[in-house]
Amino acid sequence: MKCPFCRVDNDRVIDSRASQDGSAIRRRRECLGCNRRYTTYERPEETTIKVVKKDGSRAPFSRDKIRGGLERACWKRPITSRQIDATVQAIENDVYAQFDTEVESRELGMLVMEHLRDLDEVAFVRFASVYRQFNDVQDFFEELRPMLAKRPPITPR
């Protein structure tokens, strides 16, 4: 590590400790050339996952895009920002746990739908209708059939 003051590449570590909730190591160093002290941080290199789109192009995975899609699907639904944040984090965790370098947009969409189904059924259908490009009422019905089968029958009054 070169000293930021004299540019000499000769120092010693005085103190090391965990920093930023354990995601980095903070090191206090002393330059053996000019005897000045400075701080460095060591962090793991973050891998960037690419999303392979339908046309074959690749774009970096973006949690902001996931959040935007969830917010549009959950518009005017009784869902808090905290719930959306937790869902985005869960999706991101699943992506980094299941994929190394690339994920197909189709698989990413399916992952989002799995989490949305648990969060809110109306938001799930909204997202699915855009993602799967429903063309008619039959497409909606086919998507709703498994959810309707799980519900107890409604008895008339």
C-alpha atoms as a PDB file:
ATOM      1  CA  MET A   1       0.000   0.000   0.000  1.00  0.00           C
ATOM      2  CA  LYS A   2       1.483   3.349  -1.022  1.00  0.00           C
ATOM      3  CA  CYS A   3       1.386   6.152   1.512  1.00  0.00           C
ATOM      4  CA  PRO A   4      -1.092   8.848   0.371  1.00  0.00           C
ATOM      5  CA  PHE A   5       1.327  11.544   1.599  1.00  0.00           C
ATOM      6  CA  CYS A   6       4.816  10.570   0.411  1.00  0.00           C
ATOM      7  CA  ARG A   7       3.933   7.701  -2.006  1.00  0.00           C
ATOM      8  CA  VAL A   8       6.415   5.319  -0.352  1.00  0.00           C
ATOM      9  CA  ASP A   9       5.380   1.667  -0.503  1.00  0.00           C
ATOM     10  CA  ASN A  10       6.506   0.747   3.000  1.00  0.00           C
ATOM     11  CA  ASP A  11       4.133   0.785   5.972  1.00  0.00           C
ATOM     12  CA  ARG A  12       3.044  -1.186   8.968  1.00  0.00           C
ATOM     13  CA  VAL A  13      -0.429  -1.959  10.283  1.00  0.00           C
ATOM     14  CA  ILE A  14      -1.038  -0.458  13.706  1.00  0.00           C
ATOM     15  CA  ASP A  15      -4.644  -1.544  14.276  1.00  0.00           C
ATOM     16  CA  SER A  16      -7.255  -3.709  12.482  1.00  0.00           C
ATOM     17  CA  ARG A  17     -10.917  -4.007  13.309  1.00  0.00           C
ATOM     18  CA  ALA A  18     -14.219  -4.954  11.723  1.00  0.00           C
ATOM     19  CA  SER A  19     -16.150  -2.070  10.253  1.00  0.00           C
ATOM     20  CA  GLN A  20     -19.490  -1.401   8.536  1.00  0.00           C
ATOM     21  CA  ASP A  21     -21.363  -4.213  10.285  1.00  0.00           C
ATOM     22  CA  GLY A  22     -18.575  -6.689   9.612  1.00  0.00           C
ATOM     23  CA  SER A  23     -18.579  -6.210   5.830  1.00  0.00           C
ATOM     24  CA  ALA A  24     -15.182  -4.455   5.825  1.00  0.00           C
ATOM     25  CA  ILE A  25     -11.938  -4.324   7.765  1.00  0.00           C
ATOM     26  CA  ARG A  26     -10.595  -0.943   8.849  1.00  0.00           C
ATOM     27  CA  ARG A  27      -6.816  -0.767   9.148  1.00  0.00           C
ATOM     28  CA  ARG A  28      -4.758   2.055  10.685  1.00  0.00           C
ATOM     29  CA  ARG A  29      -1.351   2.198   9.019  1.00  0.00           C
ATOM     30  CA  GLU A  30       1.860   4.073   9.672  1.00  0.00           C
ATOM     31  CA  CYS A  31       4.166   4.986   6.808  1.00  0.00           C
ATOM     32  CA  LEU A  32       7.777   3.981   7.558  1.00  0.00           C
ATOM     33  CA  GLY A  33       8.988   6.694   5.169  1.00  0.00           C
ATOM     34  CA  CYS A  34       7.317   9.831   6.586  1.00  0.00           C
ATOM     35  CA  ASN A  35       5.882   8.388   9.858  1.00  0.00           C
ATOM     36  CA  ARG A  36       2.374   9.722   9.085  1.00  0.00           C
ATOM     37  CA  ARG A  37      -0.694   7.619   9.788  1.00  0.00           C
ATOM     38  CA  TYR A  38      -3.631   6.866   7.500  1.00  0.00           C
ATOM     39  CA  THR A  39      -6.644   4.579   7.337  1.00  0.00           C
ATOM     40  CA  THR A  40      -7.493   1.953   4.703  1.00  0.00           C
ATOM     41  CA  TYR A  41     -10.548  -0.275   4.270  1.00  0.00           C
ATOM     42  CA  GLU A  42     -10.591  -3.811   2.951  1.00  0.00           C
ATOM     43  CA  ARG A  43     -13.853  -5.105   1.441  1.00  0.00           C
ATOM     44  CA  PRO A  44     -14.708  -8.261  -0.471  1.00  0.00           C
ATOM     45  CA  GLU A  45     -14.960  -7.754  -4.191  1.00  0.00           C
ATOM     46  CA  GLU A  46     -18.596  -7.732  -5.202  1.00  0.00           C
ATOM     47  CA  THR A  47     -19.536  -9.946  -8.095  1.00  0.00           C
ATOM     48  CA  THR A  48     -21.876  -8.406 -10.595  1.00  0.00           C
ATOM     49  CA  ILE A  49     -24.525 -10.651 -12.001  1.00  0.00           C
ATOM     50  CA  LYS A  50     -25.675  -9.955 -15.531  1.00  0.00           C
ATOM     51  CA  VAL A  51     -29.296 -10.359 -16.608  1.00  0.00           C
ATOM     52  CA  VAL A  52     -29.603 -12.060 -19.997  1.00  0.00           C
ATOM     53  CA  LYS A  53     -32.566 -10.496 -21.751  1.00  0.00           C
ATOM     54  CA  LYS A  54     -34.878 -12.143 -24.297  1.00  0.00           C
ATOM     55  CA  ASP A  55     -32.953 -10.618 -27.205  1.00  0.00           C
ATOM     56  CA  GLY A  56     -29.653 -11.995 -25.865  1.00  0.00           C
ATOM     57  CA  SER A  57     -28.316  -8.661 -24.620  1.00  0.00           C
ATOM     58  CA  ARG A  58     -26.913  -8.422 -21.122  1.00  0.00           C
ATOM     59  CA  ALA A  59     -27.462  -5.784 -18.443  1.00  0.00           C
ATOM     60  CA  PRO A  60     -26.220  -5.604 -14.851  1.00  0.00           C
ATOM     61  CA  PHE A  61     -28.624  -6.878 -12.201  1.00  0.00           C
ATOM     62  CA  SER A  62     -30.358  -3.877 -10.654  1.00  0.00           C
ATOM     63  CA  ARG A  63     -32.237  -3.997  -7.399  1.00  0.00           C
ATOM     64  CA  ASP A  64     -33.707  -0.591  -8.352  1.00  0.00           C
ATOM     65  CA  LYS A  65     -35.424  -2.158 -11.374  1.00  0.00           C
ATOM     66  CA  ILE A  66     -36.807  -4.938  -9.165  1.00  0.00           C
ATOM     67  CA  ARG A  67     -38.058  -2.343  -6.695  1.00  0.00           C
ATOM     68  CA  GLY A  68     -39.685  -0.301  -9.484  1.00  0.00           C
ATOM     69  CA  GLY A  69     -41.533  -3.364 -10.788  1.00  0.00           C
ATOM     70  CA  LEU A  70     -42.714  -4.268  -7.296  1.00  0.00           C
ATOM     71  CA  GLU A  71     -43.882  -0.716  -6.611  1.00  0.00           C
ATOM     72  CA  ARG A  72     -45.923  -0.649  -9.833  1.00  0.00           C
ATOM     73  CA  ALA A  73     -47.476  -4.029  -9.039  1.00  0.00           C
ATOM     74  CA  CYS A  74     -48.265  -2.998  -5.450  1.00  0.00           C
ATOM     75  CA  TRP A  75     -49.689   0.431  -6.368  1.00  0.00           C
ATOM     76  CA  LYS A  76     -52.684   1.265  -4.126  1.00  0.00           C
ATOM     77  CA  ARG A  77     -52.392  -2.037  -2.271  1.00  0.00           C
ATOM     78  CA  PRO A  78     -52.035  -2.280   1.532  1.00  0.00           C
ATOM     79  CA  ILE A  79     -48.296  -2.944   1.318  1.00  0.00           C
ATOM     80  CA  THR A  80     -45.707  -0.860   3.165  1.00  0.00           C
ATOM     81  CA  SER A  81     -42.364   0.349   1.857  1.00  0.00           C
ATOM     82  CA  ARG A  82     -40.745  -1.842   4.480  1.00  0.00           C
ATOM     83  CA  GLN A  83     -42.456  -4.915   3.017  1.00  0.00           C
ATOM     84  CA  ILE A  84     -41.310  -3.951  -0.483  1.00  0.00           C
ATOM     85  CA  ASP A  85     -37.747  -3.405   0.798  1.00  0.00           C
ATOM     86  CA  ALA A  86     -37.775  -6.808   2.486  1.00  0.00           C
ATOM     87  CA  THR A  87     -39.064  -8.452  -0.708  1.00  0.00           C
ATOM     88  CA  VAL A  88     -36.403  -6.749  -2.833  1.00  0.00           C
ATOM     89  CA  GLN A  89     -33.725  -7.914  -0.380  1.00  0.00           C
ATOM     90  CA  ALA A  90     -35.085 -11.479  -0.408  1.00  0.00           C
ATOM     91  CA  ILE A  91     -35.085 -11.523  -4.224  1.00  0.00           C
ATOM     92  CA  GLU A  92     -31.543 -10.137  -4.346  1.00  0.00           C
ATOM     93  CA  ASN A  93     -30.376 -12.730  -1.803  1.00  0.00           C
ATOM     94  CA  ASP A  94     -31.938 -15.515  -3.884  1.00  0.00           C
ATOM     95  CA  VAL A  95     -30.310 -14.228  -7.082  1.00  0.00           C
ATOM     96  CA  TYR A  96     -26.835 -14.114  -5.525  1.00  0.00           C
ATOM     97  CA  ALA A  97     -27.349 -17.501  -3.852  1.00  0.00           C
ATOM     98  CA  GLN A  98     -28.664 -19.304  -6.960  1.00  0.00           C
ATOM     99  CA  PHE A  99     -26.649 -17.752  -9.794  1.00  0.00           C
ATOM    100  CA  ASP A 100     -22.927 -17.150 -10.260  1.00  0.00           C
ATOM    101  CA  THR A 101     -22.489 -14.721 -13.130  1.00  0.00           C
ATOM    102  CA  GLU A 102     -25.689 -14.612 -15.204  1.00  0.00           C
ATOM    103  CA  VAL A 103     -29.422 -15.043 -14.787  1.00  0.00           C
ATOM    104  CA  GLU A 104     -31.973 -15.162 -17.577  1.00  0.00           C
ATOM    105  CA  SER A 105     -34.659 -12.499 -17.369  1.00  0.00           C
ATOM    106  CA  ARG A 106     -37.279 -15.266 -17.523  1.00  0.00           C
ATOM    107  CA  GLU A 107     -35.882 -16.893 -14.371  1.00  0.00           C
ATOM    108  CA  LEU A 108     -35.606 -13.529 -12.631  1.00  0.00           C
ATOM    109  CA  GLY A 109     -39.254 -12.772 -13.460  1.00  0.00           C
ATOM    110  CA  MET A 110     -40.322 -16.147 -12.073  1.00  0.00           C
ATOM    111  CA  LEU A 111     -38.379 -15.436  -8.878  1.00  0.00           C
ATOM    112  CA  VAL A 112     -40.105 -12.062  -8.498  1.00  0.00           C
ATOM    113  CA  MET A 113     -43.513 -13.693  -9.050  1.00  0.00           C
ATOM    114  CA  GLU A 114     -42.813 -16.317  -6.371  1.00  0.00           C
ATOM    115  CA  HIS A 115     -42.118 -13.606  -3.815  1.00  0.00           C
ATOM    116  CA  LEU A 116     -45.060 -11.468  -4.951  1.00  0.00           C
ATOM    117  CA  ARG A 117     -47.466 -14.403  -4.670  1.00  0.00           C
ATOM    118  CA  ASP A 118     -46.609 -14.614  -0.968  1.00  0.00           C
ATOM    119  CA  LEU A 119     -46.810 -10.844  -0.483  1.00  0.00           C
ATOM    120  CA  ASP A 120     -50.098  -9.961  -2.211  1.00  0.00           C
ATOM    121  CA  GLU A 121     -52.211 -11.919  -4.692  1.00  0.00           C
ATOM    122  CA  VAL A 122     -53.527  -8.841  -6.526  1.00  0.00           C
ATOM    123  CA  ALA A 123     -50.007  -7.464  -6.940  1.00  0.00           C
ATOM    124  CA  PHE A 124     -48.922 -10.893  -8.149  1.00  0.00           C
ATOM    125  CA  VAL A 125     -51.606 -10.957 -10.854  1.00  0.00           C
ATOM    126  CA  ARG A 126     -50.744  -7.392 -11.905  1.00  0.00           C
ATOM    127  CA  PHE A 127     -47.073  -8.283 -12.272  1.00  0.00           C
ATOM    128  CA  ALA A 128     -47.834 -11.582 -14.008  1.00  0.00           C
ATOM    129  CA  SER A 129     -50.168  -9.914 -16.496  1.00  0.00           C
ATOM    130  CA  VAL A 130     -47.389  -7.606 -17.685  1.00  0.00           C
ATOM    131  CA  TYR A 131     -44.535 -10.098 -17.339  1.00  0.00           C
ATOM    132  CA  ARG A 132     -46.322 -12.955 -19.100  1.00  0.00           C
ATOM    133  CA  GLN A 133     -48.079 -10.604 -21.531  1.00  0.00           C
ATOM    134  CA  PHE A 134     -51.624 -11.864 -20.993  1.00  0.00           C
ATOM    135  CA  ASN A 135     -53.728 -11.450 -24.123  1.00  0.00           C
ATOM    136  CA  ASP A 136     -57.200 -12.259 -22.880  1.00  0.00           C
ATOM    137  CA  VAL A 137     -59.323 -13.205 -19.873  1.00  0.00           C
ATOM    138  CA  GLN A 138     -58.488 -16.892 -20.335  1.00  0.00           C
ATOM    139  CA  ASP A 139     -54.831 -16.149 -19.595  1.00  0.00           C
ATOM    140  CA  PHE A 140     -55.843 -14.433 -16.343  1.00  0.00           C
ATOM    141  CA  PHE A 141     -58.077 -17.343 -15.414  1.00  0.00           C
ATOM    142  CA  GLU A 142     -55.292 -19.888 -15.991  1.00  0.00           C
ATOM    143  CA  GLU A 143     -52.993 -17.907 -13.700  1.00  0.00           C
ATOM    144  CA  LEU A 144     -55.672 -17.574 -11.010  1.00  0.00           C
ATOM    145  CA  ARG A 145     -56.827 -21.210 -11.106  1.00  0.00           C
ATOM    146  CA  PRO A 146     -54.164 -22.537  -8.641  1.00  0.00           C
ATOM    147  CA  MET A 147     -54.840 -19.686  -6.190  1.00  0.00           C
ATOM    148  CA  LEU A 148     -58.593 -20.199  -6.365  1.00  0.00           C
ATOM    149  CA  ALA A 149     -58.206 -23.928  -5.769  1.00  0.00           C
ATOM    150  CA  LYS A 150     -56.451 -23.238  -2.441  1.00  0.00           C
ATOM    151  CA  ARG A 151     -59.249 -21.039  -1.072  1.00  0.00           C
ATOM    152  CA  PRO A 152     -62.192 -22.430   0.865  1.00  0.00           C
ATOM    153  CA  PRO A 153     -65.482 -22.277  -1.056  1.00  0.00           C
ATOM    154  CA  ILE A 154     -67.636 -19.186  -0.551  1.00  0.00           C
ATOM    155  CA  THR A 155     -71.056 -19.976   0.894  1.00  0.00           C
ATOM    156  CA  PRO A 156     -73.960 -17.708  -0.092  1.00  0.00           C
ATOM    157  CA  ARG A 157     -75.799 -15.935   2.723  1.00  0.00           C
END
